[in-house]
């Protein structure tokens, strides 16, 4: 899994009124997700891109584990 960035620009985040705490690597996906959630009354089976933050967390954990193994082998 490659590192992907889905970061919205400052103008896009401001226009979508994203809270500062949600302006992470998945912020560009959060804008259409929030629109979908609003239109479908938060029906989770109707909106996509719900897993971006989880996938990002797993990617960072794998990188950390790999780094720790490399440091331990040195």
Protein backbone atom coordinates (compact mmCIF):
# COMPACT_ATOMS: atom_id res chain seq x y z
CA UNK A 1 0.00 0.00 0.00
CA UNK A 2 1.65 3.27 -1.08
CA UNK A 3 1.43 6.48 0.85
CA UNK A 4 -1.41 8.51 -0.58
CA UNK A 5 -2.30 12.04 0.33
CA UNK A 6 -5.88 13.20 0.02
CA UNK A 7 -5.31 16.59 1.60
CA UNK A 8 -7.70 19.42 0.74
CA UNK A 9 -6.32 22.89 0.17
CA UNK A 10 -6.85 25.56 2.81
CA UNK A 11 -9.46 27.25 0.61
CA UNK A 12 -11.38 23.99 0.09
CA UNK A 13 -11.29 23.17 3.81
CA UNK A 14 -12.49 26.66 4.73
CA UNK A 15 -15.27 26.57 2.12
CA UNK A 16 -16.44 23.19 3.46
CA UNK A 17 -16.18 24.51 7.04
CA UNK A 18 -14.02 21.57 8.12
CA UNK A 19 -12.95 21.72 11.77
CA UNK A 20 -9.18 22.09 12.18
CA UNK A 21 -8.95 18.68 13.88
CA UNK A 22 -10.24 16.97 10.72
CA UNK A 23 -7.81 18.62 8.30
CA UNK A 24 -5.52 15.62 7.90
CA UNK A 25 -4.42 13.39 5.02
CA UNK A 26 -8.05 12.45 4.39
CA UNK A 27 -9.54 15.93 4.37
CA UNK A 28 -10.19 15.97 0.61
CA UNK A 29 -12.26 12.81 1.01
CA UNK A 30 -14.12 14.20 4.01
CA UNK A 31 -15.72 17.03 2.02
CA UNK A 32 -17.76 14.80 -0.35
CA UNK A 33 -18.30 12.30 2.48
CA UNK A 34 -19.89 14.98 4.65
CA UNK A 35 -22.10 16.04 1.73
CA UNK A 36 -23.19 12.42 1.24
CA UNK A 37 -23.81 11.96 4.96
CA UNK A 38 -25.99 15.07 5.03
CA UNK A 39 -27.98 14.01 1.97
CA UNK A 40 -28.50 10.41 3.17
CA UNK A 41 -29.01 11.14 6.88
CA UNK A 42 -25.73 9.36 7.76
CA UNK A 43 -26.68 6.01 6.20
CA UNK A 44 -23.24 4.31 6.25
CA UNK A 45 -23.97 1.93 3.38
CA UNK A 46 -24.66 4.81 0.98
CA UNK A 47 -21.44 6.82 1.38
CA UNK A 48 -17.92 5.83 0.36
CA UNK A 49 -14.44 6.81 1.62
CA UNK A 50 -15.27 5.99 5.26
CA UNK A 51 -12.07 3.99 5.71
CA UNK A 52 -9.44 6.57 4.73
CA UNK A 53 -8.37 7.43 8.27
CA UNK A 54 -8.25 3.77 9.29
CA UNK A 55 -6.15 2.89 6.23
CA UNK A 56 -3.85 5.83 6.99
CA UNK A 57 -3.48 4.63 10.60
CA UNK A 58 -2.63 1.08 9.47
CA UNK A 59 -0.07 2.43 6.97
CA UNK A 60 1.62 4.52 9.68
CA UNK A 61 1.66 1.56 12.09
CA UNK A 62 3.33 -0.64 9.46
CA UNK A 63 5.95 2.03 8.79
CA UNK A 64 6.63 2.33 12.52
CA UNK A 65 6.93 -1.45 12.93
CA UNK A 66 9.31 -1.64 9.98
CA UNK A 67 11.42 1.18 11.41
CA UNK A 68 11.58 -0.51 14.83
CA UNK A 69 12.67 -3.81 13.24
CA UNK A 70 15.39 -2.03 11.27
CA UNK A 71 16.65 -0.27 14.40
CA UNK A 72 16.63 -3.54 16.37
CA UNK A 73 18.66 -5.32 13.69
CA UNK A 74 21.38 -2.64 13.65
